[in-house]
Protein backbone atom coordinates (compact mmCIF):
# COMPACT_ATOMS: atom_id res chain seq x y z
CA UNK A 1 -12.10 -35.25 3.95
CA UNK A 2 -12.32 -35.16 -0.01
CA UNK A 3 -13.25 -30.82 0.86
CA UNK A 4 -11.13 -30.40 3.04
CA UNK A 5 -8.25 -31.83 0.39
CA UNK A 6 -9.90 -29.37 -2.57
CA UNK A 7 -9.69 -26.99 -0.34
CA UNK A 8 -5.39 -26.62 0.54
CA UNK A 9 -4.72 -28.34 -2.79
CA UNK A 10 -6.78 -25.03 -4.98
CA UNK A 11 -4.85 -22.55 -1.95
CA UNK A 12 -2.14 -24.17 -2.99
CA UNK A 13 -2.19 -23.01 -6.05
CA UNK A 14 -3.47 -19.70 -6.00
CA UNK A 15 0.31 -19.16 -3.97
CA UNK A 16 2.25 -20.24 -5.96
CA UNK A 17 0.67 -18.09 -8.94
CA UNK A 18 0.80 -15.05 -6.08
CA UNK A 19 4.19 -15.95 -6.23
CA UNK A 20 4.33 -16.24 -9.64
CA UNK A 21 5.30 -19.85 -9.35
CA UNK A 22 2.78 -20.78 -12.26
CA UNK A 23 1.42 -19.04 -14.60
CA UNK A 24 -2.56 -20.26 -13.59
CA UNK A 25 -3.74 -23.38 -11.29
CA UNK A 26 -4.45 -26.73 -12.37
CA UNK A 27 -7.20 -26.89 -9.39
CA UNK A 28 -9.58 -24.03 -11.02
CA UNK A 29 -11.49 -27.42 -12.70
CA UNK A 30 -11.72 -28.77 -9.59
CA UNK A 31 -14.87 -30.47 -8.72
CA UNK A 32 -16.20 -32.56 -6.02
CA UNK A 33 -18.04 -36.04 -6.76
CA UNK A 34 -21.32 -36.00 -7.14
CA UNK A 35 -21.80 -38.43 -4.20
CA UNK A 36 -25.60 -39.86 -3.52
CA UNK A 37 -25.92 -41.87 -0.50
CA UNK A 38 -28.79 -44.39 -0.26
CA UNK A 39 -30.83 -44.02 2.83
CA UNK A 40 -30.52 -45.92 5.27
CA UNK A 41 -34.20 -48.09 5.79
CA UNK A 42 -32.27 -50.20 8.76
CA UNK A 43 -35.24 -51.07 11.50
CA UNK A 44 -34.73 -53.39 14.39
CA UNK A 45 -37.48 -56.45 14.82
CA UNK A 46 -38.82 -56.94 18.18
CA UNK A 47 -36.88 -59.43 18.66
CA UNK A 48 -33.73 -57.10 18.87
CA UNK A 49 -35.12 -54.08 20.85
CA UNK A 50 -36.78 -56.34 23.53
CA UNK A 51 -32.34 -58.08 23.93
CA UNK A 52 -32.07 -54.67 23.68
CA UNK A 53 -33.93 -53.82 26.66
CA UNK A 54 -32.61 -57.59 28.30
CA UNK A 55 -29.01 -55.78 27.92
CA UNK A 56 -29.54 -52.60 29.06
CA UNK A 57 -28.99 -50.34 32.57
CA UNK A 58 -31.89 -49.06 33.76
CA UNK A 59 -31.10 -45.65 31.76
CA UNK A 60 -30.60 -47.20 28.39
CA UNK A 61 -33.57 -49.52 29.02
CA UNK A 62 -35.51 -46.18 29.72
CA UNK A 63 -33.95 -44.12 26.71
CA UNK A 64 -34.34 -47.76 24.22
CA UNK A 65 -37.73 -47.46 25.09
CA UNK A 66 -38.84 -43.92 24.93
CA UNK A 67 -37.39 -43.78 21.65
CA UNK A 68 -38.71 -47.62 19.89
CA UNK A 69 -41.62 -46.29 22.02
CA UNK A 70 -42.91 -42.80 21.64
CA UNK A 71 -40.74 -42.11 17.81
CA UNK A 72 -38.47 -39.39 19.56
CA UNK A 73 -35.40 -38.78 17.49
CA UNK A 74 -32.76 -38.53 19.72
CA UNK A 75 -32.17 -34.80 20.12
CA UNK A 76 -35.03 -34.60 21.47
CA UNK A 77 -35.28 -37.37 24.32
CA UNK A 78 -32.14 -36.78 25.28
CA UNK A 79 -32.84 -33.20 26.09
CA UNK A 80 -36.79 -33.85 27.50
CA UNK A 81 -36.52 -32.48 31.04
CA UNK A 82 -37.93 -33.23 34.55
CA UNK A 83 -40.78 -31.15 33.93
CA UNK A 84 -41.38 -32.27 30.01
CA UNK A 85 -42.92 -35.44 31.15
CA UNK A 86 -47.20 -34.70 32.34
CA UNK A 87 -47.65 -38.19 33.68
CA UNK A 88 -49.32 -39.71 30.28
CA UNK A 89 -47.30 -37.54 27.88
CA UNK A 90 -44.13 -36.22 26.78
CA UNK A 91 -44.31 -32.00 25.98
CA UNK A 92 -41.40 -32.27 23.23
CA UNK A 93 -40.61 -28.37 22.42
CA UNK A 94 -36.54 -28.41 22.17
CA UNK A 95 -33.72 -30.56 21.01
CA UNK A 96 -30.31 -30.81 21.05
CA UNK A 97 -27.82 -29.56 18.45
CA UNK A 98 -24.77 -31.41 17.70
CA UNK A 99 -22.75 -29.12 16.50
CA UNK A 100 -23.31 -26.03 18.25
CA UNK A 101 -21.92 -25.13 20.99
CA UNK A 102 -22.87 -24.03 24.84
CA UNK A 103 -25.93 -23.31 25.51
CA UNK A 104 -26.73 -22.79 21.99
CA UNK A 105 -26.58 -27.25 21.90
CA UNK A 106 -30.53 -26.80 23.10
CA UNK A 107 -32.75 -25.08 20.26
CA UNK A 108 -35.99 -25.52 18.31
CA UNK A 109 -37.25 -28.61 17.23
CA UNK A 110 -36.53 -29.95 13.20
CA UNK A 111 -39.94 -28.32 12.04
CA UNK A 112 -42.92 -26.52 14.03
CA UNK A 113 -44.99 -30.26 13.81
CA UNK A 114 -42.60 -31.43 16.07
CA UNK A 115 -43.54 -29.05 19.32
CA UNK A 116 -46.40 -31.19 20.43
CA UNK A 117 -47.23 -34.00 22.94
CA UNK A 118 -45.63 -36.82 22.94
CA UNK A 119 -48.75 -40.37 24.56
CA UNK A 120 -46.53 -42.80 27.39
CA UNK A 121 -48.91 -45.37 27.56
CA UNK A 122 -49.07 -46.14 31.95
CA UNK A 123 -46.28 -48.69 31.65
CA UNK A 124 -43.88 -46.89 30.91
CA UNK A 125 -44.78 -43.63 32.42
CA UNK A 126 -44.19 -45.94 35.68
CA UNK A 127 -40.75 -46.32 34.86
CA UNK A 128 -40.26 -42.52 33.30
CA UNK A 129 -41.41 -42.17 37.59
CA UNK A 130 -39.54 -44.50 38.75
CA UNK A 131 -37.01 -43.34 37.44
CA UNK A 132 -37.19 -39.50 38.87
CA UNK A 133 -37.71 -40.41 42.38
CA UNK A 134 -34.13 -41.36 42.33
CA UNK A 135 -33.00 -38.42 40.49
CA UNK A 136 -29.98 -36.74 41.99
CA UNK A 137 -31.76 -33.53 41.01
CA UNK A 138 -35.54 -34.20 40.90
CA UNK A 139 -36.12 -31.71 42.92
CA UNK A 140 -35.38 -29.13 39.78
CA UNK A 141 -37.85 -29.30 37.07
CA UNK A 142 -35.88 -28.38 34.60
CA UNK A 143 -32.75 -30.98 35.32
CA UNK A 144 -32.40 -33.03 32.42
CA UNK A 145 -34.04 -36.94 32.60
CA UNK A 146 -30.74 -38.38 31.57
CA UNK A 147 -28.12 -36.38 32.62
CA UNK A 148 -23.66 -37.67 32.14
CA UNK A 149 -21.05 -37.76 34.73
CA UNK A 150 -20.93 -33.75 34.73
CA UNK A 151 -24.73 -33.14 35.52
CA UNK A 152 -25.55 -31.89 31.79
CA UNK A 153 -26.84 -33.32 28.80
CA UNK A 154 -25.28 -36.14 27.02
CA UNK A 155 -24.54 -35.09 22.61
CA UNK A 156 -26.61 -37.16 20.57
CA UNK A 157 -23.04 -38.60 19.20
CA UNK A 158 -21.35 -39.65 22.18
CA UNK A 159 -24.46 -40.50 23.45
CA UNK A 160 -24.71 -43.68 20.44
CA UNK A 161 -21.27 -44.16 20.65
CA UNK A 162 -20.53 -44.91 23.70
CA UNK A 163 -23.34 -46.15 24.88
CA UNK A 164 -25.81 -47.37 22.59
CA UNK A 165 -23.72 -48.53 19.90
CA UNK A 166 -22.08 -50.28 23.10
CA UNK A 167 -25.42 -51.85 24.40
CA UNK A 168 -26.53 -52.81 20.68
CA UNK A 169 -22.79 -54.68 19.69
CA UNK A 170 -23.49 -56.86 22.84
CA UNK A 171 -26.28 -58.03 22.24
CA UNK A 172 -25.16 -59.07 18.24
CA UNK A 173 -26.50 -55.42 17.20
CA UNK A 174 -23.54 -54.18 14.87
CA UNK A 175 -24.98 -52.11 12.45
CA UNK A 176 -26.59 -49.00 15.06
CA UNK A 177 -27.58 -45.71 13.94
CA UNK A 178 -29.14 -42.54 15.70
CA UNK A 179 -32.54 -42.84 12.47
CA UNK A 180 -33.12 -46.66 12.81
CA UNK A 181 -34.92 -46.38 16.86
CA UNK A 182 -37.77 -43.81 15.24
CA UNK A 183 -37.87 -45.29 12.05
CA UNK A 184 -38.57 -48.96 14.71
CA UNK A 185 -41.26 -47.19 16.11
CA UNK A 186 -42.85 -46.18 13.02
CA UNK A 187 -42.32 -49.16 11.06
CA UNK A 188 -44.34 -50.95 13.94
CA UNK A 189 -47.31 -49.24 14.83
CA UNK A 190 -48.01 -49.08 10.99
CA UNK A 191 -49.58 -53.17 13.34
CA UNK A 192 -51.85 -51.05 16.58
CA UNK A 193 -53.11 -47.17 15.02
CA UNK A 194 -53.80 -45.53 11.66
CA UNK A 195 -51.81 -43.78 8.42
CA UNK A 196 -53.66 -40.24 11.12
CA UNK A 197 -52.07 -42.13 14.25
CA UNK A 198 -48.82 -42.52 12.14
CA UNK A 199 -48.46 -39.92 11.74
CA UNK A 200 -48.91 -38.08 14.55
CA UNK A 201 -46.87 -40.01 16.48
CA UNK A 202 -43.43 -38.86 14.33
CA UNK A 203 -45.22 -35.41 13.85
CA UNK A 204 -44.79 -34.82 10.95
CA UNK A 205 -46.14 -32.32 8.56
CA UNK A 206 -49.66 -32.89 7.90
CA UNK A 207 -51.90 -31.41 4.88
CA UNK A 208 -54.62 -31.43 6.38
CA UNK A 209 -56.44 -28.09 7.97
CA UNK A 210 -57.79 -29.55 11.10
CA UNK A 211 -55.02 -32.09 11.96
CA UNK A 212 -52.65 -29.09 11.62
CA UNK A 213 -55.33 -26.54 13.86
CA UNK A 214 -55.45 -29.18 16.35
CA UNK A 215 -52.31 -30.18 16.79
CA UNK A 216 -51.27 -30.37 20.48
CA UNK A 217 -54.94 -33.29 21.74
CA UNK A 218 -53.64 -36.81 21.45
CA UNK A 219 -56.45 -38.83 19.52
CA UNK A 220 -57.38 -41.71 22.10
CA UNK A 221 -56.39 -44.18 18.82
CA UNK A 222 -52.94 -43.17 18.71
CA UNK A 223 -52.79 -43.92 23.22
CA UNK A 224 -53.82 -46.96 22.17
CA UNK A 225 -51.99 -47.63 19.21
CA UNK A 226 -48.71 -46.98 21.52
CA UNK A 227 -49.58 -48.71 24.75
CA UNK A 228 -50.07 -51.43 21.59
CA UNK A 229 -47.01 -51.51 20.50
CA UNK A 230 -44.35 -50.35 24.07
CA UNK A 231 -46.53 -53.60 25.22
CA UNK A 232 -45.73 -55.61 21.84
CA UNK A 233 -41.83 -54.10 22.78
CA UNK A 234 -41.76 -54.73 26.45
CA UNK A 235 -43.61 -57.69 26.09
CA UNK A 236 -46.25 -56.95 29.36
CA UNK A 237 -49.07 -58.44 27.00
CA UNK A 238 -51.35 -56.73 30.54
CA UNK A 239 -48.58 -58.18 32.87
CA UNK A 240 -46.51 -55.07 32.82
CA UNK A 241 -43.09 -55.20 34.83
CA UNK A 242 -41.08 -52.13 35.61
CA UNK A 243 -37.23 -52.86 36.14
CA UNK A 244 -35.96 -51.27 39.68
CA UNK A 245 -34.52 -48.19 39.36
CA UNK A 246 -30.85 -48.05 41.43
CA UNK A 247 -29.64 -44.52 42.84
CA UNK A 248 -26.16 -46.24 40.85
CA UNK A 249 -27.85 -46.22 37.67
CA UNK A 250 -27.47 -42.37 37.44
CA UNK A 251 -24.37 -42.38 36.52
CA UNK A 252 -21.40 -43.47 33.55
CA UNK A 253 -21.02 -46.55 33.69
């Protein structure tokens, strides 16, 4: 808004100069304020994630679980296709671009390290498999895992605004952001894995050459850590219970 105001003011004064109404522009030294936004540190407590899962429809249950357990960025999760699910792992090679239109919405992941695989715990794997079994486009391996009403991928901003935020408010969470789930995943997995596991889990840049060379390999320690995180968040603790997936859940509420 401030940028627009500055642009319009300068344009008005420049027009006035061109029409010989004023000798020089009063907006010539008008600069934008130097504002430094404090980064958001918000993450969800395990109890808050569990409350979201309890109140969620089958689709949102699966999305929230993938975001919180697998540490995906929202643009990566909503760009997942059926054939990205490989049983015990998800292939991450695509992300939604919020400010693009049409086919330009789908592009590369944020970094080279982001283009990789993430482990999927057995209980979460069963839930994804159940979801795909009743997916309206299950015969198309390139169909998006999560479809909007028009059978296309959701917009990241719209999905947050129309699906996740109302869900969060229904359980008393008023400050949900796109980054909260990824930060939640990185915060709670510290209890279950090593620093290297955390870096691999979030697919961040790693200075160690050996880790870069084996970017596609998922260490067993990371699989164990993610499974433990999933058990903590889902509250299964060795007694997994996957909610039934209804065919009608594929449609928007």
